[in-house]
Full PDB file with SEQRES, HELIX, SHEET, SSBOND, CRYST1, ORIGX, SCALE, CONECT and MASTER records, all heavy atoms in Angstrom:
SEQRES   1 A   41  LYS TRP LEU SER THR LEU ASP ALA LEU GLY ARG ASN LEU          
SEQRES   2 A   41  VAL SER ASP SER LEU VAL TYR ARG TYR ASP PRO ALA ALA          
SEQRES   3 A   41  SER PRO ASP GLY LEU LEU GLY GLN ASP GLY THR PHE SER          
SEQRES   4 A   41  ILE CYS                                                      
HELIX    1 AA1 TRP A    2  ASN A   12  1                                  11    
SHEET    1 AA1 2 VAL A  14  SER A  15  0                                        
SHEET    2 AA1 2 LEU A  18  VAL A  19 -1                                        
CRYST1    1.000    1.000    1.000  90.00  90.00  90.00 P 1           1          
ORIGX1      1.000000  0.000000  0.000000        0.00000                         
ORIGX2      0.000000  1.000000  0.000000        0.00000                         
ORIGX3      0.000000  0.000000  1.000000        0.00000                         
SCALE1      1.000000  0.000000  0.000000        0.00000                         
SCALE2      0.000000  1.000000  0.000000        0.00000                         
SCALE3      0.000000  0.000000  1.000000        0.00000                         
ATOM      1  N   LYS A   1       0.826  -1.206   0.000  1.00  0.00           N  
ATOM      2  CA  LYS A   1       0.000   0.000   0.000  1.00  0.00           C  
ATOM      3  C   LYS A   1       0.864   1.260   0.000  1.00  0.00           C  
ATOM      4  O   LYS A   1       0.525   2.261  -0.652  1.00  0.00           O  
ATOM      5  CB  LYS A   1      -0.947   0.006   1.200  1.00  0.00           C  
ATOM      6  CG  LYS A   1      -2.167  -0.889   1.045  1.00  0.00           C  
ATOM      7  CD  LYS A   1      -3.174  -0.631   2.159  1.00  0.00           C  
ATOM      8  CE  LYS A   1      -4.486  -1.369   1.878  1.00  0.00           C  
ATOM      9  NZ  LYS A   1      -5.509  -1.098   2.906  1.00  0.00           N  
ATOM     10  N   TRP A   2       1.964   1.196   0.751  1.00  0.00           N  
ATOM     11  CA  TRP A   2       2.818   2.382   0.785  1.00  0.00           C  
ATOM     12  C   TRP A   2       3.536   2.583  -0.549  1.00  0.00           C  
ATOM     13  O   TRP A   2       3.646   3.708  -1.048  1.00  0.00           O  
ATOM     14  CB  TRP A   2       3.841   2.332   1.915  1.00  0.00           C  
ATOM     15  CG  TRP A   2       4.782   3.486   1.770  1.00  0.00           C  
ATOM     16  CD1 TRP A   2       6.085   3.477   1.439  1.00  0.00           C  
ATOM     17  CD2 TRP A   2       4.400   4.865   1.832  1.00  0.00           C  
ATOM     18  NE1 TRP A   2       6.565   4.743   1.306  1.00  0.00           N  
ATOM     19  CE2 TRP A   2       5.544   5.630   1.545  1.00  0.00           C  
ATOM     20  CE3 TRP A   2       3.202   5.538   2.118  1.00  0.00           C  
ATOM     21  CZ2 TRP A   2       5.541   7.016   1.523  1.00  0.00           C  
ATOM     22  CZ3 TRP A   2       3.193   6.923   2.092  1.00  0.00           C  
ATOM     23  CH2 TRP A   2       4.344   7.647   1.804  1.00  0.00           C  
ATOM     24  N   LEU A   3       4.043   1.524  -1.136  1.00  0.00           N  
ATOM     25  CA  LEU A   3       4.746   1.652  -2.417  1.00  0.00           C  
ATOM     26  C   LEU A   3       3.806   2.179  -3.497  1.00  0.00           C  
ATOM     27  O   LEU A   3       4.207   2.983  -4.353  1.00  0.00           O  
ATOM     28  CB  LEU A   3       5.345   0.308  -2.828  1.00  0.00           C  
ATOM     29  CG  LEU A   3       6.480  -0.212  -1.920  1.00  0.00           C  
ATOM     30  CD1 LEU A   3       6.945  -1.584  -2.398  1.00  0.00           C  
ATOM     31  CD2 LEU A   3       7.642   0.773  -1.892  1.00  0.00           C  
ATOM     32  N   SER A   4       2.548   1.779  -3.438  1.00  0.00           N  
ATOM     33  CA  SER A   4       1.567   2.302  -4.383  1.00  0.00           C  
ATOM     34  C   SER A   4       1.337   3.792  -4.138  1.00  0.00           C  
ATOM     35  O   SER A   4       1.221   4.585  -5.092  1.00  0.00           O  
ATOM     36  CB  SER A   4       0.249   1.531  -4.246  1.00  0.00           C  
ATOM     37  OG  SER A   4      -0.738   2.051  -5.111  1.00  0.00           O  
ATOM     38  N   THR A   5       1.294   4.186  -2.863  1.00  0.00           N  
ATOM     39  CA  THR A   5       1.141   5.605  -2.535  1.00  0.00           C  
ATOM     40  C   THR A   5       2.336   6.413  -3.023  1.00  0.00           C  
ATOM     41  O   THR A   5       2.181   7.499  -3.588  1.00  0.00           O  
ATOM     42  CB  THR A   5       0.984   5.781  -1.012  1.00  0.00           C  
ATOM     43  OG1 THR A   5      -0.167   5.064  -0.572  1.00  0.00           O  
ATOM     44  CG2 THR A   5       0.852   7.241  -0.641  1.00  0.00           C  
ATOM     45  N   LEU A   6       3.526   5.879  -2.817  1.00  0.00           N  
ATOM     46  CA  LEU A   6       4.745   6.570  -3.238  1.00  0.00           C  
ATOM     47  C   LEU A   6       4.739   6.789  -4.747  1.00  0.00           C  
ATOM     48  O   LEU A   6       5.107   7.861  -5.243  1.00  0.00           O  
ATOM     49  CB  LEU A   6       5.961   5.749  -2.805  1.00  0.00           C  
ATOM     50  CG  LEU A   6       7.338   6.395  -2.931  1.00  0.00           C  
ATOM     51  CD1 LEU A   6       7.424   7.692  -2.144  1.00  0.00           C  
ATOM     52  CD2 LEU A   6       8.420   5.404  -2.467  1.00  0.00           C  
ATOM     53  N   ASP A   7       4.290   5.793  -5.485  1.00  0.00           N  
ATOM     54  CA  ASP A   7       4.200   5.935  -6.941  1.00  0.00           C  
ATOM     55  C   ASP A   7       3.169   6.991  -7.335  1.00  0.00           C  
ATOM     56  O   ASP A   7       3.393   7.783  -8.258  1.00  0.00           O  
ATOM     57  CB  ASP A   7       3.851   4.590  -7.575  1.00  0.00           C  
ATOM     58  CG  ASP A   7       5.008   3.597  -7.525  1.00  0.00           C  
ATOM     59  OD1 ASP A   7       6.162   4.044  -7.368  1.00  0.00           O  
ATOM     60  OD2 ASP A   7       4.758   2.380  -7.634  1.00  0.00           O  
ATOM     61  N   ALA A   8       2.036   6.995  -6.646  1.00  0.00           N  
ATOM     62  CA  ALA A   8       0.989   7.970  -6.956  1.00  0.00           C  
ATOM     63  C   ALA A   8       1.476   9.393  -6.685  1.00  0.00           C  
ATOM     64  O   ALA A   8       1.229  10.318  -7.473  1.00  0.00           O  
ATOM     65  CB  ALA A   8      -0.272   7.676  -6.145  1.00  0.00           C  
ATOM     66  N   LEU A   9       2.184   9.586  -5.573  1.00  0.00           N  
ATOM     67  CA  LEU A   9       2.742  10.902  -5.274  1.00  0.00           C  
ATOM     68  C   LEU A   9       3.767  11.300  -6.326  1.00  0.00           C  
ATOM     69  O   LEU A   9       3.811  12.462  -6.767  1.00  0.00           O  
ATOM     70  CB  LEU A   9       3.393  10.898  -3.884  1.00  0.00           C  
ATOM     71  CG  LEU A   9       2.450  10.722  -2.690  1.00  0.00           C  
ATOM     72  CD1 LEU A   9       3.250  10.492  -1.410  1.00  0.00           C  
ATOM     73  CD2 LEU A   9       1.547  11.941  -2.526  1.00  0.00           C  
ATOM     74  N   GLY A  10       4.583  10.345  -6.749  1.00  0.00           N  
ATOM     75  CA  GLY A  10       5.586  10.624  -7.766  1.00  0.00           C  
ATOM     76  C   GLY A  10       4.983  11.057  -9.085  1.00  0.00           C  
ATOM     77  O   GLY A  10       5.507  11.938  -9.771  1.00  0.00           O  
ATOM     78  N   ARG A  11       3.859  10.458  -9.437  1.00  0.00           N  
ATOM     79  CA  ARG A  11       3.205  10.810 -10.715  1.00  0.00           C  
ATOM     80  C   ARG A  11       2.502  12.158 -10.649  1.00  0.00           C  
ATOM     81  O   ARG A  11       2.462  12.890 -11.650  1.00  0.00           O  
ATOM     82  CB  ARG A  11       2.178   9.732 -11.089  1.00  0.00           C  
ATOM     83  CG  ARG A  11       2.773   8.409 -11.526  1.00  0.00           C  
ATOM     84  CD  ARG A  11       1.689   7.516 -12.127  1.00  0.00           C  
ATOM     85  NE  ARG A  11       0.577   7.280 -11.209  1.00  0.00           N  
ATOM     86  CZ  ARG A  11       0.524   6.261 -10.342  1.00  0.00           C  
ATOM     87  NH1 ARG A  11       1.538   5.410 -10.263  1.00  0.00           N  
ATOM     88  NH2 ARG A  11      -0.519   6.101  -9.552  1.00  0.00           N  
ATOM     89  N   ASN A  12       1.952  12.498  -9.493  1.00  0.00           N  
ATOM     90  CA  ASN A  12       1.035  13.636  -9.424  1.00  0.00           C  
ATOM     91  C   ASN A  12       1.572  14.888  -8.724  1.00  0.00           C  
ATOM     92  O   ASN A  12       1.128  15.997  -9.042  1.00  0.00           O  
ATOM     93  CB  ASN A  12      -0.260  13.202  -8.724  1.00  0.00           C  
ATOM     94  CG  ASN A  12      -1.044  12.190  -9.527  1.00  0.00           C  
ATOM     95  OD1 ASN A  12      -1.788  12.550 -10.437  1.00  0.00           O  
ATOM     96  ND2 ASN A  12      -0.885  10.912  -9.202  1.00  0.00           N  
ATOM     97  N   LEU A  13       2.490  14.722  -7.772  1.00  0.00           N  
ATOM     98  CA  LEU A  13       2.941  15.881  -6.999  1.00  0.00           C  
ATOM     99  C   LEU A  13       4.435  16.161  -7.128  1.00  0.00           C  
ATOM    100  O   LEU A  13       4.922  17.147  -6.566  1.00  0.00           O  
ATOM    101  CB  LEU A  13       2.610  15.689  -5.514  1.00  0.00           C  
ATOM    102  CG  LEU A  13       1.127  15.639  -5.135  1.00  0.00           C  
ATOM    103  CD1 LEU A  13       0.978  15.510  -3.615  1.00  0.00           C  
ATOM    104  CD2 LEU A  13       0.387  16.880  -5.624  1.00  0.00           C  
ATOM    105  N   VAL A  14       5.175  15.328  -7.857  1.00  0.00           N  
ATOM    106  CA  VAL A  14       6.621  15.491  -7.962  1.00  0.00           C  
ATOM    107  C   VAL A  14       6.987  16.032  -9.333  1.00  0.00           C  
ATOM    108  O   VAL A  14       6.496  15.557 -10.363  1.00  0.00           O  
ATOM    109  CB  VAL A  14       7.360  14.162  -7.702  1.00  0.00           C  
ATOM    110  CG1 VAL A  14       8.869  14.337  -7.837  1.00  0.00           C  
ATOM    111  CG2 VAL A  14       7.022  13.629  -6.314  1.00  0.00           C  
ATOM    112  N   SER A  15       7.864  17.055  -9.327  1.00  0.00           N  
ATOM    113  CA  SER A  15       8.360  17.655 -10.562  1.00  0.00           C  
ATOM    114  C   SER A  15       9.867  17.829 -10.438  1.00  0.00           C  
ATOM    115  O   SER A  15      10.345  18.702  -9.727  1.00  0.00           O  
ATOM    116  CB  SER A  15       7.682  19.021 -10.802  1.00  0.00           C  
ATOM    117  OG  SER A  15       8.261  19.702 -11.893  1.00  0.00           O  
ATOM    118  N   ASP A  16      10.631  16.976 -11.115  1.00  0.00           N  
ATOM    119  CA  ASP A  16      12.093  17.056 -11.097  1.00  0.00           C  
ATOM    120  C   ASP A  16      12.622  17.062  -9.664  1.00  0.00           C  
ATOM    121  O   ASP A  16      13.402  17.936  -9.275  1.00  0.00           O  
ATOM    122  CB  ASP A  16      12.577  18.294 -11.855  1.00  0.00           C  
ATOM    123  CG  ASP A  16      14.103  18.328 -11.989  1.00  0.00           C  
ATOM    124  OD1 ASP A  16      14.679  17.292 -12.333  1.00  0.00           O  
ATOM    125  OD2 ASP A  16      14.698  19.392 -11.722  1.00  0.00           O  
ATOM    126  N   SER A  17      12.201  16.131  -8.881  1.00  0.00           N  
ATOM    127  CA  SER A  17      12.580  15.940  -7.469  1.00  0.00           C  
ATOM    128  C   SER A  17      11.876  16.904  -6.535  1.00  0.00           C  
ATOM    129  O   SER A  17      11.902  16.723  -5.316  1.00  0.00           O  
ATOM    130  CB  SER A  17      14.097  16.064  -7.248  1.00  0.00           C  
ATOM    131  OG  SER A  17      14.504  17.425  -7.128  1.00  0.00           O  
ATOM    132  N   LEU A  18      11.225  17.953  -7.065  1.00  0.00           N  
ATOM    133  CA  LEU A  18      10.517  18.925  -6.236  1.00  0.00           C  
ATOM    134  C   LEU A  18       9.090  18.451  -5.999  1.00  0.00           C  
ATOM    135  O   LEU A  18       8.426  17.952  -6.916  1.00  0.00           O  
ATOM    136  CB  LEU A  18      10.504  20.294  -6.918  1.00  0.00           C  
ATOM    137  CG  LEU A  18      11.874  20.908  -7.201  1.00  0.00           C  
ATOM    138  CD1 LEU A  18      11.721  22.184  -8.015  1.00  0.00           C  
ATOM    139  CD2 LEU A  18      12.616  21.188  -5.913  1.00  0.00           C  
ATOM    140  N   VAL A  19       8.610  18.629  -4.770  1.00  0.00           N  
ATOM    141  CA  VAL A  19       7.324  18.057  -4.374  1.00  0.00           C  
ATOM    142  C   VAL A  19       6.354  19.168  -3.960  1.00  0.00           C  
ATOM    143  O   VAL A  19       6.672  20.004  -3.111  1.00  0.00           O  
ATOM    144  CB  VAL A  19       7.501  17.065  -3.206  1.00  0.00           C  
ATOM    145  CG1 VAL A  19       6.158  16.445  -2.822  1.00  0.00           C  
ATOM    146  CG2 VAL A  19       8.503  15.971  -3.593  1.00  0.00           C  
ATOM    147  N   TYR A  20       5.178  19.169  -4.587  1.00  0.00           N  
ATOM    148  CA  TYR A  20       4.087  20.057  -4.172  1.00  0.00           C  
ATOM    149  C   TYR A  20       3.402  19.467  -2.945  1.00  0.00           C  
ATOM    150  O   TYR A  20       3.294  18.246  -2.814  1.00  0.00           O  
ATOM    151  CB  TYR A  20       3.055  20.227  -5.288  1.00  0.00           C  
ATOM    152  CG  TYR A  20       3.551  20.996  -6.477  1.00  0.00           C  
ATOM    153  CD1 TYR A  20       4.107  20.344  -7.577  1.00  0.00           C  
ATOM    154  CD2 TYR A  20       3.474  22.384  -6.522  1.00  0.00           C  
ATOM    155  CE1 TYR A  20       4.568  21.056  -8.681  1.00  0.00           C  
ATOM    156  CE2 TYR A  20       3.923  23.099  -7.616  1.00  0.00           C  
ATOM    157  CZ  TYR A  20       4.469  22.433  -8.698  1.00  0.00           C  
ATOM    158  OH  TYR A  20       4.931  23.141  -9.783  1.00  0.00           O  
ATOM    159  N   ARG A  21       2.908  20.340  -2.066  1.00  0.00           N  
ATOM    160  CA  ARG A  21       2.198  19.837  -0.882  1.00  0.00           C  
ATOM    161  C   ARG A  21       0.907  19.141  -1.279  1.00  0.00           C  
ATOM    162  O   ARG A  21       0.591  18.060  -0.799  1.00  0.00           O  
ATOM    163  CB  ARG A  21       1.882  20.989   0.077  1.00  0.00           C  
ATOM    164  CG  ARG A  21       3.085  21.604   0.728  1.00  0.00           C  
ATOM    165  CD  ARG A  21       2.708  22.644   1.754  1.00  0.00           C  
ATOM    166  NE  ARG A  21       2.183  23.874   1.154  1.00  0.00           N  
ATOM    167  CZ  ARG A  21       1.843  24.950   1.840  1.00  0.00           C  
ATOM    168  NH1 ARG A  21       1.952  24.953   3.157  1.00  0.00           N  
ATOM    169  NH2 ARG A  21       1.391  26.031   1.237  1.00  0.00           N  
ATOM    170  N   TYR A  22       0.131  19.782  -2.137  1.00  0.00           N  
ATOM    171  CA  TYR A  22      -1.161  19.293  -2.583  1.00  0.00           C  
ATOM    172  C   TYR A  22      -1.573  20.177  -3.746  1.00  0.00           C  
ATOM    173  O   TYR A  22      -0.893  21.159  -4.079  1.00  0.00           O  
ATOM    174  CB  TYR A  22      -2.211  19.349  -1.455  1.00  0.00           C  
ATOM    175  CG  TYR A  22      -2.336  20.717  -0.810  1.00  0.00           C  
ATOM    176  CD1 TYR A  22      -3.212  21.688  -1.302  1.00  0.00           C  
ATOM    177  CD2 TYR A  22      -1.562  21.060   0.303  1.00  0.00           C  
ATOM    178  CE1 TYR A  22      -3.296  22.948  -0.733  1.00  0.00           C  
ATOM    179  CE2 TYR A  22      -1.652  22.314   0.884  1.00  0.00           C  
ATOM    180  CZ  TYR A  22      -2.520  23.247   0.364  1.00  0.00           C  
ATOM    181  OH  TYR A  22      -2.596  24.498   0.933  1.00  0.00           O  
ATOM    182  N   ASP A  23      -2.686  19.878  -4.356  1.00  0.00           N  
ATOM    183  CA  ASP A  23      -3.219  20.689  -5.447  1.00  0.00           C  
ATOM    184  C   ASP A  23      -4.345  21.559  -4.893  1.00  0.00           C  
ATOM    185  O   ASP A  23      -5.418  21.050  -4.580  1.00  0.00           O  
ATOM    186  CB  ASP A  23      -3.747  19.782  -6.563  1.00  0.00           C  
ATOM    187  CG  ASP A  23      -4.334  20.577  -7.728  1.00  0.00           C  
ATOM    188  OD1 ASP A  23      -4.327  21.824  -7.679  1.00  0.00           O  
ATOM    189  OD2 ASP A  23      -4.801  19.937  -8.690  1.00  0.00           O  
ATOM    190  N   PRO A  24      -4.116  22.898  -4.753  1.00  0.00           N  
ATOM    191  CA  PRO A  24      -5.167  23.753  -4.189  1.00  0.00           C  
ATOM    192  C   PRO A  24      -6.452  23.737  -4.995  1.00  0.00           C  
ATOM    193  O   PRO A  24      -7.535  23.986  -4.451  1.00  0.00           O  
ATOM    194  CB  PRO A  24      -4.531  25.147  -4.199  1.00  0.00           C  
ATOM    195  CG  PRO A  24      -3.060  24.909  -4.228  1.00  0.00           C  
ATOM    196  CD  PRO A  24      -2.886  23.658  -5.035  1.00  0.00           C  
ATOM    197  N   ALA A  25      -6.365  23.427  -6.290  1.00  0.00           N  
ATOM    198  CA  ALA A  25      -7.579  23.361  -7.110  1.00  0.00           C  
ATOM    199  C   ALA A  25      -8.435  22.169  -6.709  1.00  0.00           C  
ATOM    200  O   ALA A  25      -9.668  22.232  -6.720  1.00  0.00           O  
ATOM    201  CB  ALA A  25      -7.216  23.288  -8.589  1.00  0.00           C  
ATOM    202  N   ALA A  26      -7.776  21.061  -6.336  1.00  0.00           N  
ATOM    203  CA  ALA A  26      -8.514  19.860  -5.942  1.00  0.00           C  
ATOM    204  C   ALA A  26      -8.955  19.929  -4.484  1.00  0.00           C  
ATOM    205  O   ALA A  26      -9.948  19.309  -4.102  1.00  0.00           O  
ATOM    206  CB  ALA A  26      -7.646  18.619  -6.162  1.00  0.00           C  
ATOM    207  N   SER A  27      -8.197  20.695  -3.667  1.00  0.00           N  
ATOM    208  CA  SER A  27      -8.518  20.820  -2.250  1.00  0.00           C  
ATOM    209  C   SER A  27      -8.362  22.278  -1.849  1.00  0.00           C  
ATOM    210  O   SER A  27      -7.312  22.691  -1.355  1.00  0.00           O  
ATOM    211  CB  SER A  27      -7.585  19.933  -1.407  1.00  0.00           C  
ATOM    212  OG  SER A  27      -7.885  20.044  -0.034  1.00  0.00           O  
ATOM    213  N   PRO A  28      -9.383  23.118  -2.075  1.00  0.00           N  
ATOM    214  CA  PRO A  28      -9.280  24.562  -1.799  1.00  0.00           C  
ATOM    215  C   PRO A  28      -8.865  24.830  -0.360  1.00  0.00           C  
ATOM    216  O   PRO A  28      -9.400  24.224   0.585  1.00  0.00           O  
ATOM    217  CB  PRO A  28     -10.696  25.076  -2.079  1.00  0.00           C  
ATOM    218  CG  PRO A  28     -11.282  24.085  -3.044  1.00  0.00           C  
ATOM    219  CD  PRO A  28     -10.705  22.754  -2.639  1.00  0.00           C  
ATOM    220  N   ASP A  29      -7.888  25.741  -0.203  1.00  0.00           N  
ATOM    221  CA  ASP A  29      -7.362  26.018   1.140  1.00  0.00           C  
ATOM    222  C   ASP A  29      -7.761  27.389   1.667  1.00  0.00           C  
ATOM    223  O   ASP A  29      -7.231  27.848   2.678  1.00  0.00           O  
ATOM    224  CB  ASP A  29      -5.837  25.873   1.159  1.00  0.00           C  
ATOM    225  CG  ASP A  29      -5.138  26.755   0.117  1.00  0.00           C  
ATOM    226  OD1 ASP A  29      -5.793  27.672  -0.417  1.00  0.00           O  
ATOM    227  OD2 ASP A  29      -3.950  26.522  -0.156  1.00  0.00           O  
ATOM    228  N   GLY A  30      -8.701  28.064   0.959  1.00  0.00           N  
ATOM    229  CA  GLY A  30      -9.198  29.339   1.441  1.00  0.00           C  
ATOM    230  C   GLY A  30      -8.341  30.528   1.087  1.00  0.00           C  
ATOM    231  O   GLY A  30      -8.575  31.635   1.570  1.00  0.00           O  
ATOM    232  N   LEU A  31      -7.325  30.313   0.230  1.00  0.00           N  
ATOM    233  CA  LEU A  31      -6.421  31.393  -0.161  1.00  0.00           C  
ATOM    234  C   LEU A  31      -6.326  31.473  -1.672  1.00  0.00           C  
ATOM    235  O   LEU A  31      -6.471  30.466  -2.376  1.00  0.00           O  
ATOM    236  CB  LEU A  31      -5.016  31.152   0.421  1.00  0.00           C  
ATOM    237  CG  LEU A  31      -4.920  31.144   1.953  1.00  0.00           C  
ATOM    238  CD1 LEU A  31      -3.594  30.554   2.389  1.00  0.00           C  
ATOM    239  CD2 LEU A  31      -5.095  32.551   2.502  1.00  0.00           C  
ATOM    240  N   LEU A  32      -6.061  32.684  -2.169  1.00  0.00           N  
ATOM    241  CA  LEU A  32      -5.889  32.886  -3.594  1.00  0.00           C  
ATOM    242  C   LEU A  32      -4.459  32.531  -4.008  1.00  0.00           C  
ATOM    243  O   LEU A  32      -3.530  32.594  -3.213  1.00  0.00           O  
ATOM    244  CB  LEU A  32      -6.181  34.345  -3.966  1.00  0.00           C  
ATOM    245  CG  LEU A  32      -7.594  34.859  -3.673  1.00  0.00           C  
ATOM    246  CD1 LEU A  32      -7.682  36.348  -3.973  1.00  0.00           C  
ATOM    247  CD2 LEU A  32      -8.630  34.071  -4.476  1.00  0.00           C  
ATOM    248  N   GLY A  33      -4.278  32.190  -5.283  1.00  0.00           N  
ATOM    249  CA  GLY A  33      -2.939  31.972  -5.821  1.00  0.00           C  
ATOM    250  C   GLY A  33      -2.479  30.539  -5.689  1.00  0.00           C  
ATOM    251  O   GLY A  33      -3.154  29.670  -5.137  1.00  0.00           O  
ATOM    252  N   GLN A  34      -1.269  30.309  -6.200  1.00  0.00           N  
ATOM    253  CA  GLN A  34      -0.693  28.976  -6.244  1.00  0.00           C  
ATOM    254  C   GLN A  34       0.525  28.888  -5.331  1.00  0.00           C  
ATOM    255  O   GLN A  34       1.216  29.865  -5.069  1.00  0.00           O  
ATOM    256  CB  GLN A  34      -0.262  28.631  -7.682  1.00  0.00           C  
ATOM    257  CG  GLN A  34      -1.425  28.492  -8.659  1.00  0.00           C  
ATOM    258  CD  GLN A  34      -2.248  27.249  -8.391  1.00  0.00           C  
ATOM    259  OE1 GLN A  34      -1.712  26.190  -8.085  1.00  0.00           O  
ATOM    260  NE2 GLN A  34      -3.562  27.364  -8.521  1.00  0.00           N  
ATOM    261  N   ASP A  35       0.784  27.671  -4.855  1.00  0.00           N  
ATOM    262  CA  ASP A  35       1.995  27.368  -4.104  1.00  0.00           C  
ATOM    263  C   ASP A  35       3.129  27.050  -5.058  1.00  0.00           C  
ATOM    264  O   ASP A  35       2.914  26.572  -6.177  1.00  0.00           O  
ATOM    265  CB  ASP A  35       1.763  26.117  -3.258  1.00  0.00           C  
ATOM    266  CG  ASP A  35       1.480  26.452  -1.806  1.00  0.00           C  
ATOM    267  OD1 ASP A  35       1.677  27.608  -1.405  1.00  0.00           O  
ATOM    268  OD2 ASP A  35       1.076  25.541  -1.074  1.00  0.00           O  
ATOM    269  N   GLY A  36       4.362  27.252  -4.592  1.00  0.00           N  
ATOM    270  CA  GLY A  36       5.495  26.601  -5.222  1.00  0.00           C  
ATOM    271  C   GLY A  36       5.622  25.201  -4.649  1.00  0.00           C  
ATOM    272  O   GLY A  36       4.783  24.730  -3.870  1.00  0.00           O  
ATOM    273  N   THR A  37       6.685  24.517  -5.020  1.00  0.00           N  
ATOM    274  CA  THR A  37       6.951  23.223  -4.402  1.00  0.00           C  
ATOM    275  C   THR A  37       7.507  23.464  -3.005  1.00  0.00           C  
ATOM    276  O   THR A  37       8.200  24.442  -2.751  1.00  0.00           O  
ATOM    277  CB  THR A  37       7.944  22.401  -5.229  1.00  0.00           C  
ATOM    278  OG1 THR A  37       9.161  23.148  -5.388  1.00  0.00           O  
ATOM    279  CG2 THR A  37       7.350  22.074  -6.590  1.00  0.00           C  
ATOM    280  N   PHE A  38       7.187  22.555  -2.099  1.00  0.00           N  
ATOM    281  CA  PHE A  38       7.514  22.733  -0.684  1.00  0.00           C  
ATOM    282  C   PHE A  38       8.765  21.933  -0.366  1.00  0.00           C  
ATOM    283  O   PHE A  38       8.769  20.709  -0.459  1.00  0.00           O  
ATOM    284  CB  PHE A  38       6.332  22.265   0.164  1.00  0.00           C  
ATOM    285  CG  PHE A  38       6.132  23.069   1.405  1.00  0.00           C  
ATOM    286  CD1 PHE A  38       5.781  24.404   1.330  1.00  0.00           C  
ATOM    287  CD2 PHE A  38       6.293  22.489   2.658  1.00  0.00           C  
ATOM    288  CE1 PHE A  38       5.583  25.154   2.498  1.00  0.00           C  
ATOM    289  CE2 PHE A  38       6.091  23.223   3.813  1.00  0.00           C  
ATOM    290  CZ  PHE A  38       5.742  24.562   3.736  1.00  0.00           C  
ATOM    291  N   SER A  39       9.832  22.619   0.038  1.00  0.00           N  
ATOM    292  CA  SER A  39      11.140  21.964   0.104  1.00  0.00           C  
ATOM    293  C   SER A  39      11.218  20.885   1.174  1.00  0.00           C  
ATOM    294  O   SER A  39      11.907  19.876   0.990  1.00  0.00           O  
ATOM    295  CB  SER A  39      12.232  23.009   0.318  1.00  0.00           C  
ATOM    296  OG  SER A  39      12.339  23.846  -0.823  1.00  0.00           O  
ATOM    297  N   ILE A  40      10.506  21.035   2.297  1.00  0.00           N  
ATOM    298  CA  ILE A  40      10.555  19.960   3.287  1.00  0.00           C  
ATOM    299  C   ILE A  40       9.950  18.683   2.711  1.00  0.00           C  
ATOM    300  O   ILE A  40      10.443  17.577   2.961  1.00  0.00           O  
ATOM    301  CB  ILE A  40       9.852  20.356   4.604  1.00  0.00           C  
ATOM    302  CG1 ILE A  40      10.115  19.282   5.660  1.00  0.00           C  
ATOM    303  CG2 ILE A  40       8.372  20.601   4.433  1.00  0.00           C  
ATOM    304  CD1 ILE A  40       9.612  19.613   7.036  1.00  0.00           C  
ATOM    305  N   CYS A  41       8.906  18.828   1.903  1.00  0.00           N  
ATOM    306  CA  CYS A  41       8.291  17.652   1.282  1.00  0.00           C  
ATOM    307  C   CYS A  41       9.259  16.987   0.302  1.00  0.00           C  
ATOM    308  O   CYS A  41       9.281  15.759   0.162  1.00  0.00           O  
ATOM    309  CB  CYS A  41       7.006  18.044   0.555  1.00  0.00           C  
ATOM    310  SG  CYS A  41       5.725  18.704   1.641  1.00  0.00           S  
TER     311      CYS A  41                                                      
MASTER        0    0    0    1    2    0    0    6  310    1    0    4          
END                                                                             
């Protein structure tokens, strides 16, 4: 289950080793604008 999750995150939230926290369009966070990739992630 974890390896499947890791693959899903890699396909959807990872860009050249950089990782987005989440997609604000899919999960509105109450703020305008877009995030960059989050370095701790």
